[in-house]
Amino acid sequence: MATSESPSVIDALMNALYDLIDEDLTDFKLHLRDRTLLGRFEVIKRSKLEKKSRAEMVEVMMDNYGVYTIHVMERVLRAMNKNSTADELCGCAYDPEGRTDL
């Protein structure tokens, strides 16, 4: 759970997306449609991500994944080999069910 010193979940998600250059952001959107990578999580339709700003993408992801948005983003970033950016998200990860198999 985040402490008062930790960035908010929204801030952490935004920071992670701002670490990506535009080409990486295109790859990120593509990975959000990869059923194999996302496992039990739903893919996001291409039209929901098309021409979205980084802030709008966070909104779409939060609407789609809720409290699991950080888990999904971390999974996608690791698939893109953006491990340092994914590591920064780990401090904000929150799983209300206490699951480890996400």
PDB file of N, CA and C in Angstrom:
ATOM      1  N   MET A   1       0.837  -1.170   0.000  1.00  0.00           N
ATOM      2  CA  MET A   1       0.000   0.000   0.000  1.00  0.00           C
ATOM      3  C   MET A   1       0.882   1.233   0.000  1.00  0.00           C
ATOM      4  N   ALA A   2       0.478   2.269  -0.697  1.00  0.00           N
ATOM      5  CA  ALA A   2       1.284   3.468  -0.812  1.00  0.00           C
ATOM      6  C   ALA A   2       1.333   4.219   0.515  1.00  0.00           C
ATOM      7  N   THR A   3       2.491   4.776   0.817  1.00  0.00           N
ATOM      8  CA  THR A   3       2.630   5.605   2.002  1.00  0.00           C
ATOM      9  C   THR A   3       2.554   7.054   1.578  1.00  0.00           C
ATOM     10  N   SER A   4       2.593   7.962   2.555  1.00  0.00           N
ATOM     11  CA  SER A   4       2.510   9.376   2.223  1.00  0.00           C
ATOM     12  C   SER A   4       3.717   9.826   1.401  1.00  0.00           C
ATOM     13  N   GLU A   5       4.850   9.099   1.494  1.00  0.00           N
ATOM     14  CA  GLU A   5       6.030   9.450   0.716  1.00  0.00           C
ATOM     15  C   GLU A   5       5.976   8.874  -0.695  1.00  0.00           C
ATOM     16  N   SER A   6       5.142   7.876  -0.898  1.00  0.00           N
ATOM     17  CA  SER A   6       5.045   7.230  -2.208  1.00  0.00           C
ATOM     18  C   SER A   6       4.199   8.079  -3.144  1.00  0.00           C
ATOM     19  N   PRO A   7       4.526   8.041  -4.435  1.00  0.00           N
ATOM     20  CA  PRO A   7       3.671   8.752  -5.375  1.00  0.00           C
ATOM     21  C   PRO A   7       2.313   8.064  -5.452  1.00  0.00           C
ATOM     22  N   SER A   8       1.290   8.826  -5.805  1.00  0.00           N
ATOM     23  CA  SER A   8      -0.018   8.218  -5.970  1.00  0.00           C
ATOM     24  C   SER A   8       0.032   7.255  -7.150  1.00  0.00           C
ATOM     25  N   VAL A   9      -0.943   6.393  -7.213  1.00  0.00           N
ATOM     26  CA  VAL A   9      -1.013   5.427  -8.313  1.00  0.00           C
ATOM     27  C   VAL A   9      -1.085   6.170  -9.644  1.00  0.00           C
ATOM     28  N   ILE A  10      -1.932   7.189  -9.711  1.00  0.00           N
ATOM     29  CA  ILE A  10      -2.069   7.964 -10.957  1.00  0.00           C
ATOM     30  C   ILE A  10      -0.730   8.584 -11.337  1.00  0.00           C
ATOM     31  N   ASP A  11      -0.043   9.191 -10.369  1.00  0.00           N
ATOM     32  CA  ASP A  11       1.268   9.803 -10.647  1.00  0.00           C
ATOM     33  C   ASP A  11       2.263   8.762 -11.140  1.00  0.00           C
ATOM     34  N   ALA A  12       2.274   7.596 -10.505  1.00  0.00           N
ATOM     35  CA  ALA A  12       3.202   6.538 -10.907  1.00  0.00           C
ATOM     36  C   ALA A  12       2.910   6.074 -12.334  1.00  0.00           C
ATOM     37  N   LEU A  13       1.639   5.906 -12.666  1.00  0.00           N
ATOM     38  CA  LEU A  13       1.258   5.498 -14.021  1.00  0.00           C
ATOM     39  C   LEU A  13       1.657   6.560 -15.041  1.00  0.00           C
ATOM     40  N   MET A  14       1.373   7.807 -14.713  1.00  0.00           N
ATOM     41  CA  MET A  14       1.727   8.905 -15.623  1.00  0.00           C
ATOM     42  C   MET A  14       3.240   8.983 -15.819  1.00  0.00           C
ATOM     43  N   ASN A  15       3.995   8.888 -14.729  1.00  0.00           N
ATOM     44  CA  ASN A  15       5.454   8.939 -14.828  1.00  0.00           C
ATOM     45  C   ASN A  15       5.989   7.824 -15.717  1.00  0.00           C
ATOM     46  N   ALA A  16       5.413   6.639 -15.588  1.00  0.00           N
ATOM     47  CA  ALA A  16       5.860   5.512 -16.410  1.00  0.00           C
ATOM     48  C   ALA A  16       5.599   5.791 -17.889  1.00  0.00           C
ATOM     49  N   LEU A  17       4.442   6.331 -18.210  1.00  0.00           N
ATOM     50  CA  LEU A  17       4.144   6.620 -19.617  1.00  0.00           C
ATOM     51  C   LEU A  17       4.999   7.768 -20.148  1.00  0.00           C
ATOM     52  N   TYR A  18       5.309   8.745 -19.300  1.00  0.00           N
ATOM     53  CA  TYR A  18       6.169   9.848 -19.746  1.00  0.00           C
ATOM     54  C   TYR A  18       7.619   9.398 -19.924  1.00  0.00           C
ATOM     55  N   ASP A  19       7.988   8.249 -19.366  1.00  0.00           N
ATOM     56  CA  ASP A  19       9.320   7.692 -19.607  1.00  0.00           C
ATOM     57  C   ASP A  19       9.444   7.098 -21.012  1.00  0.00           C
ATOM     58  N   LEU A  20       8.313   6.868 -21.662  1.00  0.00           N
ATOM     59  CA  LEU A  20       8.316   6.246 -22.991  1.00  0.00           C
ATOM     60  C   LEU A  20       8.346   7.295 -24.082  1.00  0.00           C
ATOM     61  N   ILE A  21       9.214   7.082 -25.080  1.00  0.00           N
ATOM     62  CA  ILE A  21       9.184   7.939 -26.254  1.00  0.00           C
ATOM     63  C   ILE A  21       7.978   7.539 -27.103  1.00  0.00           C
ATOM     64  N   ASP A  22       7.625   8.346 -28.088  1.00  0.00           N
ATOM     65  CA  ASP A  22       6.418   8.093 -28.882  1.00  0.00           C
ATOM     66  C   ASP A  22       6.413   6.714 -29.527  1.00  0.00           C
ATOM     67  N   GLU A  23       7.558   6.277 -30.040  1.00  0.00           N
ATOM     68  CA  GLU A  23       7.636   4.947 -30.658  1.00  0.00           C
ATOM     69  C   GLU A  23       7.343   3.849 -29.631  1.00  0.00           C
ATOM     70  N   ASP A  24       7.886   4.014 -28.424  1.00  0.00           N
ATOM     71  CA  ASP A  24       7.609   3.057 -27.350  1.00  0.00           C
ATOM     72  C   ASP A  24       6.138   3.080 -26.955  1.00  0.00           C
ATOM     73  N   LEU A  25       5.543   4.260 -26.980  1.00  0.00           N
ATOM     74  CA  LEU A  25       4.130   4.379 -26.621  1.00  0.00           C
ATOM     75  C   LEU A  25       3.253   3.624 -27.615  1.00  0.00           C
ATOM     76  N   THR A  26       3.632   3.650 -28.876  1.00  0.00           N
ATOM     77  CA  THR A  26       2.919   2.878 -29.896  1.00  0.00           C
ATOM     78  C   THR A  26       3.027   1.389 -29.587  1.00  0.00           C
ATOM     79  N   ASP A  27       4.223   0.932 -29.216  1.00  0.00           N
ATOM     80  CA  ASP A  27       4.415  -0.471 -28.833  1.00  0.00           C
ATOM     81  C   ASP A  27       3.611  -0.810 -27.582  1.00  0.00           C
ATOM     82  N   PHE A  28       3.576   0.109 -26.629  1.00  0.00           N
ATOM     83  CA  PHE A  28       2.824  -0.097 -25.399  1.00  0.00           C
ATOM     84  C   PHE A  28       1.345  -0.343 -25.725  1.00  0.00           C
ATOM     85  N   LYS A  29       0.790   0.486 -26.586  1.00  0.00           N
ATOM     86  CA  LYS A  29      -0.619   0.326 -26.987  1.00  0.00           C
ATOM     87  C   LYS A  29      -0.840  -1.028 -27.656  1.00  0.00           C
ATOM     88  N   LEU A  30       0.098  -1.441 -28.478  1.00  0.00           N
ATOM     89  CA  LEU A  30      -0.005  -2.733 -29.143  1.00  0.00           C
ATOM     90  C   LEU A  30      -0.031  -3.868 -28.118  1.00  0.00           C
ATOM     91  N   HIS A  31       0.815  -3.790 -27.114  1.00  0.00           N
ATOM     92  CA  HIS A  31       0.867  -4.822 -26.071  1.00  0.00           C
ATOM     93  C   HIS A  31      -0.425  -4.883 -25.260  1.00  0.00           C
ATOM     94  N   LEU A  32      -1.123  -3.769 -25.125  1.00  0.00           N
ATOM     95  CA  LEU A  32      -2.390  -3.768 -24.392  1.00  0.00           C
ATOM     96  C   LEU A  32      -3.487  -4.524 -25.143  1.00  0.00           C
ATOM     97  N   ARG A  33      -3.192  -4.935 -26.367  1.00  0.00           N
ATOM     98  CA  ARG A  33      -4.143  -5.728 -27.158  1.00  0.00           C
ATOM     99  C   ARG A  33      -3.674  -7.176 -27.300  1.00  0.00           C
ATOM    100  N   ASP A  34      -2.609  -7.550 -26.606  1.00  0.00           N
ATOM    101  CA  ASP A  34      -2.030  -8.887 -26.701  1.00  0.00           C
ATOM    102  C   ASP A  34      -2.670  -9.807 -25.654  1.00  0.00           C
ATOM    103  N   ARG A  35      -3.575 -10.652 -26.073  1.00  0.00           N
ATOM    104  CA  ARG A  35      -4.308 -11.543 -25.162  1.00  0.00           C
ATOM    105  C   ARG A  35      -3.379 -12.490 -24.409  1.00  0.00           C
ATOM    106  N   THR A  36      -2.348 -12.969 -25.074  1.00  0.00           N
ATOM    107  CA  THR A  36      -1.409 -13.895 -24.434  1.00  0.00           C
ATOM    108  C   THR A  36      -0.661 -13.199 -23.301  1.00  0.00           C
ATOM    109  N   LEU A  37      -0.193 -12.003 -23.526  1.00  0.00           N
ATOM    110  CA  LEU A  37       0.551 -11.254 -22.521  1.00  0.00           C
ATOM    111  C   LEU A  37      -0.335 -10.888 -21.333  1.00  0.00           C
ATOM    112  N   LEU A  38      -1.547 -10.463 -21.598  1.00  0.00           N
ATOM    113  CA  LEU A  38      -2.416  -9.953 -20.531  1.00  0.00           C
ATOM    114  C   LEU A  38      -3.059 -11.045 -19.686  1.00  0.00           C
ATOM    115  N   GLY A  39      -3.059 -12.266 -20.185  1.00  0.00           N
ATOM    116  CA  GLY A  39      -3.609 -13.368 -19.395  1.00  0.00           C
ATOM    117  C   GLY A  39      -5.076 -13.157 -19.063  1.00  0.00           C
ATOM    118  N   ARG A  40      -5.388 -13.096 -17.768  1.00  0.00           N
ATOM    119  CA  ARG A  40      -6.787 -12.994 -17.334  1.00  0.00           C
ATOM    120  C   ARG A  40      -7.376 -11.601 -17.510  1.00  0.00           C
ATOM    121  N   PHE A  41      -6.553 -10.635 -17.862  1.00  0.00           N
ATOM    122  CA  PHE A  41      -7.032  -9.269 -18.044  1.00  0.00           C
ATOM    123  C   PHE A  41      -7.537  -9.044 -19.468  1.00  0.00           C
ATOM    124  N   GLU A  42      -8.576  -8.235 -19.591  1.00  0.00           N
ATOM    125  CA  GLU A  42      -9.146  -7.940 -20.906  1.00  0.00           C
ATOM    126  C   GLU A  42      -8.215  -7.050 -21.720  1.00  0.00           C
ATOM    127  N   VAL A  43      -8.213  -7.269 -23.021  1.00  0.00           N
ATOM    128  CA  VAL A  43      -7.486  -6.366 -23.903  1.00  0.00           C
ATOM    129  C   VAL A  43      -8.295  -5.080 -24.040  1.00  0.00           C
ATOM    130  N   ILE A  44      -7.611  -4.010 -24.413  1.00  0.00           N
ATOM    131  CA  ILE A  44      -8.291  -2.742 -24.658  1.00  0.00           C
ATOM    132  C   ILE A  44      -8.406  -2.574 -26.165  1.00  0.00           C
ATOM    133  N   LYS A  45      -9.579  -2.275 -26.624  1.00  0.00           N
ATOM    134  CA  LYS A  45      -9.828  -2.106 -28.056  1.00  0.00           C
ATOM    135  C   LYS A  45      -8.963  -0.983 -28.629  1.00  0.00           C
ATOM    136  N   ARG A  46      -8.511  -1.188 -29.845  1.00  0.00           N
ATOM    137  CA  ARG A  46      -7.652  -0.224 -30.534  1.00  0.00           C
ATOM    138  C   ARG A  46      -8.285   1.167 -30.556  1.00  0.00           C
ATOM    139  N   SER A  47      -9.580   1.238 -30.815  1.00  0.00           N
ATOM    140  CA  SER A  47     -10.260   2.529 -30.920  1.00  0.00           C
ATOM    141  C   SER A  47     -10.257   3.306 -29.602  1.00  0.00           C
ATOM    142  N   LYS A  48     -10.169   2.604 -28.470  1.00  0.00           N
ATOM    143  CA  LYS A  48     -10.141   3.282 -27.177  1.00  0.00           C
ATOM    144  C   LYS A  48      -8.786   3.906 -26.878  1.00  0.00           C
ATOM    145  N   LEU A  49      -7.741   3.462 -27.585  1.00  0.00           N
ATOM    146  CA  LEU A  49      -6.389   3.971 -27.352  1.00  0.00           C
ATOM    147  C   LEU A  49      -5.904   4.907 -28.451  1.00  0.00           C
ATOM    148  N   GLU A  50      -6.559   4.848 -29.591  1.00  0.00           N
ATOM    149  CA  GLU A  50      -6.129   5.626 -30.743  1.00  0.00           C
ATOM    150  C   GLU A  50      -6.174   7.126 -30.450  1.00  0.00           C
ATOM    151  N   LYS A  51      -5.088   7.806 -30.756  1.00  0.00           N
ATOM    152  CA  LYS A  51      -4.958   9.262 -30.612  1.00  0.00           C
ATOM    153  C   LYS A  51      -5.177   9.752 -29.188  1.00  0.00           C
ATOM    154  N   LYS A  52      -4.902   8.915 -28.203  1.00  0.00           N
ATOM    155  CA  LYS A  52      -5.056   9.300 -26.803  1.00  0.00           C
ATOM    156  C   LYS A  52      -3.749   9.872 -26.273  1.00  0.00           C
ATOM    157  N   SER A  53      -3.876  10.887 -25.438  1.00  0.00           N
ATOM    158  CA  SER A  53      -2.707  11.417 -24.734  1.00  0.00           C
ATOM    159  C   SER A  53      -2.327  10.423 -23.640  1.00  0.00           C
ATOM    160  N   ARG A  54      -1.204  10.635 -23.022  1.00  0.00           N
ATOM    161  CA  ARG A  54      -0.787   9.751 -21.942  1.00  0.00           C
ATOM    162  C   ARG A  54      -1.788   9.799 -20.782  1.00  0.00           C
ATOM    163  N   ALA A  55      -2.269  10.985 -20.456  1.00  0.00           N
ATOM    164  CA  ALA A  55      -3.259  11.120 -19.372  1.00  0.00           C
ATOM    165  C   ALA A  55      -4.550  10.381 -19.728  1.00  0.00           C
ATOM    166  N   GLU A  56      -4.980  10.494 -20.965  1.00  0.00           N
ATOM    167  CA  GLU A  56      -6.194   9.798 -21.398  1.00  0.00           C
ATOM    168  C   GLU A  56      -5.990   8.285 -21.377  1.00  0.00           C
ATOM    169  N   MET A  57      -4.773   7.839 -21.706  1.00  0.00           N
ATOM    170  CA  MET A  57      -4.487   6.399 -21.654  1.00  0.00           C
ATOM    171  C   MET A  57      -4.581   5.881 -20.223  1.00  0.00           C
ATOM    172  N   VAL A  58      -4.105   6.660 -19.262  1.00  0.00           N
ATOM    173  CA  VAL A  58      -4.215   6.250 -17.862  1.00  0.00           C
ATOM    174  C   VAL A  58      -5.686   6.116 -17.483  1.00  0.00           C
ATOM    175  N   GLU A  59      -6.512   7.058 -17.911  1.00  0.00           N
ATOM    176  CA  GLU A  59      -7.950   6.989 -17.622  1.00  0.00           C
ATOM    177  C   GLU A  59      -8.573   5.726 -18.212  1.00  0.00           C
ATOM    178  N   VAL A  60      -8.237   5.422 -19.468  1.00  0.00           N
ATOM    179  CA  VAL A  60      -8.778   4.231 -20.126  1.00  0.00           C
ATOM    180  C   VAL A  60      -8.329   2.977 -19.382  1.00  0.00           C
ATOM    181  N   MET A  61      -7.057   2.926 -19.018  1.00  0.00           N
ATOM    182  CA  MET A  61      -6.545   1.752 -18.303  1.00  0.00           C
ATOM    183  C   MET A  61      -7.192   1.612 -16.930  1.00  0.00           C
ATOM    184  N   MET A  62      -7.360   2.718 -16.207  1.00  0.00           N
ATOM    185  CA  MET A  62      -8.004   2.661 -14.894  1.00  0.00           C
ATOM    186  C   MET A  62      -9.456   2.200 -15.020  1.00  0.00           C
ATOM    187  N   ASP A  63     -10.140   2.679 -16.045  1.00  0.00           N
ATOM    188  CA  ASP A  63     -11.522   2.241 -16.276  1.00  0.00           C
ATOM    189  C   ASP A  63     -11.583   0.754 -16.574  1.00  0.00           C
ATOM    190  N   ASN A  64     -10.597   0.259 -17.320  1.00  0.00           N
ATOM    191  CA  ASN A  64     -10.596  -1.138 -17.747  1.00  0.00           C
ATOM    192  C   ASN A  64     -10.080  -2.098 -16.667  1.00  0.00           C
ATOM    193  N   TYR A  65      -8.997  -1.712 -15.981  1.00  0.00           N
ATOM    194  CA  TYR A  65      -8.326  -2.628 -15.061  1.00  0.00           C
ATOM    195  C   TYR A  65      -8.489  -2.281 -13.583  1.00  0.00           C
ATOM    196  N   GLY A  66      -8.980  -1.097 -13.277  1.00  0.00           N
ATOM    197  CA  GLY A  66      -9.181  -0.699 -11.880  1.00  0.00           C
ATOM    198  C   GLY A  66      -7.900  -0.784 -11.072  1.00  0.00           C
ATOM    199  N   VAL A  67      -7.985  -1.431  -9.898  1.00  0.00           N
ATOM    200  CA  VAL A  67      -6.830  -1.511  -8.998  1.00  0.00           C
ATOM    201  C   VAL A  67      -5.695  -2.359  -9.571  1.00  0.00           C
ATOM    202  N   TYR A  68      -5.945  -3.072 -10.650  1.00  0.00           N
ATOM    203  CA  TYR A  68      -4.916  -3.918 -11.254  1.00  0.00           C
ATOM    204  C   TYR A  68      -4.151  -3.206 -12.384  1.00  0.00           C
ATOM    205  N   THR A  69      -4.418  -1.928 -12.573  1.00  0.00           N
ATOM    206  CA  THR A  69      -3.766  -1.192 -13.656  1.00  0.00           C
ATOM    207  C   THR A  69      -2.255  -1.231 -13.532  1.00  0.00           C
ATOM    208  N   ILE A  70      -1.731  -1.075 -12.332  1.00  0.00           N
ATOM    209  CA  ILE A  70      -0.271  -1.104 -12.153  1.00  0.00           C
ATOM    210  C   ILE A  70       0.282  -2.473 -12.532  1.00  0.00           C
ATOM    211  N   HIS A  71      -0.413  -3.531 -12.160  1.00  0.00           N
ATOM    212  CA  HIS A  71       0.040  -4.884 -12.518  1.00  0.00           C
ATOM    213  C   HIS A  71       0.098  -5.052 -14.037  1.00  0.00           C
ATOM    214  N   VAL A  72      -0.932  -4.581 -14.711  1.00  0.00           N
ATOM    215  CA  VAL A  72      -0.977  -4.700 -16.171  1.00  0.00           C
ATOM    216  C   VAL A  72       0.136  -3.871 -16.795  1.00  0.00           C
ATOM    217  N   MET A  73       0.289  -2.629 -16.325  1.00  0.00           N
ATOM    218  CA  MET A  73       1.322  -1.768 -16.889  1.00  0.00           C
ATOM    219  C   MET A  73       2.704  -2.368 -16.656  1.00  0.00           C
ATOM    220  N   GLU A  74       2.937  -2.892 -15.473  1.00  0.00           N
ATOM    221  CA  GLU A  74       4.232  -3.508 -15.180  1.00  0.00           C
ATOM    222  C   GLU A  74       4.489  -4.687 -16.117  1.00  0.00           C
ATOM    223  N   ARG A  75       3.494  -5.510 -16.326  1.00  0.00           N
ATOM    224  CA  ARG A  75       3.622  -6.676 -17.215  1.00  0.00           C
ATOM    225  C   ARG A  75       3.973  -6.227 -18.641  1.00  0.00           C
ATOM    226  N   VAL A  76       3.291  -5.197 -19.123  1.00  0.00           N
ATOM    227  CA  VAL A  76       3.547  -4.693 -20.480  1.00  0.00           C
ATOM    228  C   VAL A  76       4.952  -4.096 -20.565  1.00  0.00           C
ATOM    229  N   LEU A  77       5.332  -3.293 -19.583  1.00  0.00           N
ATOM    230  CA  LEU A  77       6.665  -2.682 -19.609  1.00  0.00           C
ATOM    231  C   LEU A  77       7.769  -3.744 -19.597  1.00  0.00           C
ATOM    232  N   ARG A  78       7.595  -4.793 -18.829  1.00  0.00           N
ATOM    233  CA  ARG A  78       8.603  -5.861 -18.803  1.00  0.00           C
ATOM    234  C   ARG A  78       8.652  -6.598 -20.148  1.00  0.00           C
ATOM    235  N   ALA A  79       7.508  -6.779 -20.783  1.00  0.00           N
ATOM    236  CA  ALA A  79       7.478  -7.412 -22.105  1.00  0.00           C
ATOM    237  C   ALA A  79       8.209  -6.546 -23.129  1.00  0.00           C
ATOM    238  N   MET A  80       8.206  -5.232 -22.911  1.00  0.00           N
ATOM    239  CA  MET A  80       8.896  -4.296 -23.797  1.00  0.00           C
ATOM    240  C   MET A  80      10.369  -4.127 -23.414  1.00  0.00           C
ATOM    241  N   ASN A  81      10.794  -4.842 -22.366  1.00  0.00           N
ATOM    242  CA  ASN A  81      12.157  -4.735 -21.856  1.00  0.00           C
ATOM    243  C   ASN A  81      12.444  -3.354 -21.258  1.00  0.00           C
ATOM    244  N   LYS A  82      11.429  -2.753 -20.673  1.00  0.00           N
ATOM    245  CA  LYS A  82      11.557  -1.464 -19.972  1.00  0.00           C
ATOM    246  C   LYS A  82      11.541  -1.750 -18.470  1.00  0.00           C
ATOM    247  N   ASN A  83      12.477  -2.583 -18.048  1.00  0.00           N
ATOM    248  CA  ASN A  83      12.484  -3.088 -16.678  1.00  0.00           C
ATOM    249  C   ASN A  83      12.698  -2.004 -15.631  1.00  0.00           C
ATOM    250  N   SER A  84      13.534  -1.014 -15.900  1.00  0.00           N
ATOM    251  CA  SER A  84      13.757   0.034 -14.895  1.00  0.00           C
ATOM    252  C   SER A  84      12.487   0.840 -14.663  1.00  0.00           C
ATOM    253  N   THR A  85      11.740   1.102 -15.726  1.00  0.00           N
ATOM    254  CA  THR A  85      10.466   1.806 -15.580  1.00  0.00           C
ATOM    255  C   THR A  85       9.464   0.937 -14.830  1.00  0.00           C
ATOM    256  N   ALA A  86       9.440  -0.356 -15.140  1.00  0.00           N
ATOM    257  CA  ALA A  86       8.544  -1.286 -14.438  1.00  0.00           C
ATOM    258  C   ALA A  86       8.912  -1.379 -12.962  1.00  0.00           C
ATOM    259  N   ASP A  87      10.203  -1.371 -12.649  1.00  0.00           N
ATOM    260  CA  ASP A  87      10.648  -1.444 -11.253  1.00  0.00           C
ATOM    261  C   ASP A  87      10.140  -0.254 -10.442  1.00  0.00           C
ATOM    262  N   GLU A  88      10.077   0.903 -11.063  1.00  0.00           N
ATOM    263  CA  GLU A  88       9.587   2.095 -10.366  1.00  0.00           C
ATOM    264  C   GLU A  88       8.123   1.949  -9.974  1.00  0.00           C
ATOM    265  N   LEU A  89       7.365   1.186 -10.731  1.00  0.00           N
ATOM    266  CA  LEU A  89       5.952   0.968 -10.411  1.00  0.00           C
ATOM    267  C   LEU A  89       5.766   0.041  -9.218  1.00  0.00           C
ATOM    268  N   CYS A  90       6.713  -0.832  -8.971  1.00  0.00           N
ATOM    269  CA  CYS A  90       6.566  -1.844  -7.921  1.00  0.00           C
ATOM    270  C   CYS A  90       6.287  -1.236  -6.555  1.00  0.00           C
ATOM    271  N   GLY A  91       6.812  -0.057  -6.272  1.00  0.00           N
ATOM    272  CA  GLY A  91       6.594   0.589  -4.987  1.00  0.00           C
ATOM    273  C   GLY A  91       5.162   1.040  -4.777  1.00  0.00           C
ATOM    274  N   CYS A  92       4.408   1.136  -5.865  1.00  0.00           N
ATOM    275  CA  CYS A  92       3.025   1.599  -5.766  1.00  0.00           C
ATOM    276  C   CYS A  92       2.024   0.477  -5.932  1.00  0.00           C
ATOM    277  N   ALA A  93       2.496  -0.714  -6.199  1.00  0.00           N
ATOM    278  CA  ALA A  93       1.583  -1.829  -6.477  1.00  0.00           C
ATOM    279  C   ALA A  93       0.667  -2.100  -5.290  1.00  0.00           C
ATOM    280  N   TYR A  94      -0.590  -2.249  -5.585  1.00  0.00           N
ATOM    281  CA  TYR A  94      -1.584  -2.505  -4.556  1.00  0.00           C
ATOM    282  C   TYR A  94      -2.512  -3.590  -5.066  1.00  0.00           C
ATOM    283  N   ASP A  95      -2.637  -4.644  -4.301  1.00  0.00           N
ATOM    284  CA  ASP A  95      -3.523  -5.746  -4.663  1.00  0.00           C
ATOM    285  C   ASP A  95      -4.455  -6.006  -3.500  1.00  0.00           C
ATOM    286  N   PRO A  96      -5.693  -5.561  -3.599  1.00  0.00           N
ATOM    287  CA  PRO A  96      -6.617  -5.702  -2.480  1.00  0.00           C
ATOM    288  C   PRO A  96      -6.945  -7.151  -2.121  1.00  0.00           C
ATOM    289  N   GLU A  97      -6.711  -8.071  -3.039  1.00  0.00           N
ATOM    290  CA  GLU A  97      -7.007  -9.479  -2.782  1.00  0.00           C
ATOM    291  C   GLU A  97      -5.785 -10.240  -2.276  1.00  0.00           C
ATOM    292  N   GLY A  98      -4.614  -9.590  -2.259  1.00  0.00           N
ATOM    293  CA  GLY A  98      -3.400 -10.241  -1.804  1.00  0.00           C
ATOM    294  C   GLY A  98      -2.902 -11.337  -2.722  1.00  0.00           C
ATOM    295  N   ARG A  99      -3.289 -11.311  -3.986  1.00  0.00           N
ATOM    296  CA  ARG A  99      -2.901 -12.357  -4.936  1.00  0.00           C
ATOM    297  C   ARG A  99      -1.482 -12.147  -5.406  1.00  0.00           C
ATOM    298  N   THR A 100      -0.804 -13.227  -5.679  1.00  0.00           N
ATOM    299  CA  THR A 100       0.556 -13.167  -6.210  1.00  0.00           C
ATOM    300  C   THR A 100       0.648 -13.770  -7.598  1.00  0.00           C
ATOM    301  N   ASP A 101      -0.464 -14.287  -8.122  1.00  0.00           N
ATOM    302  CA  ASP A 101      -0.427 -14.971  -9.413  1.00  0.00           C
ATOM    303  C   ASP A 101      -0.935 -14.106 -10.550  1.00  0.00           C
ATOM    304  N   LEU A 102      -0.835 -12.798 -10.399  1.00  0.00           N
ATOM    305  CA  LEU A 102      -1.312 -11.904 -11.441  1.00  0.00           C
ATOM    306  C   LEU A 102      -0.275 -11.863 -12.500  1.00  0.00           C
TER     307      LEU A 102
END
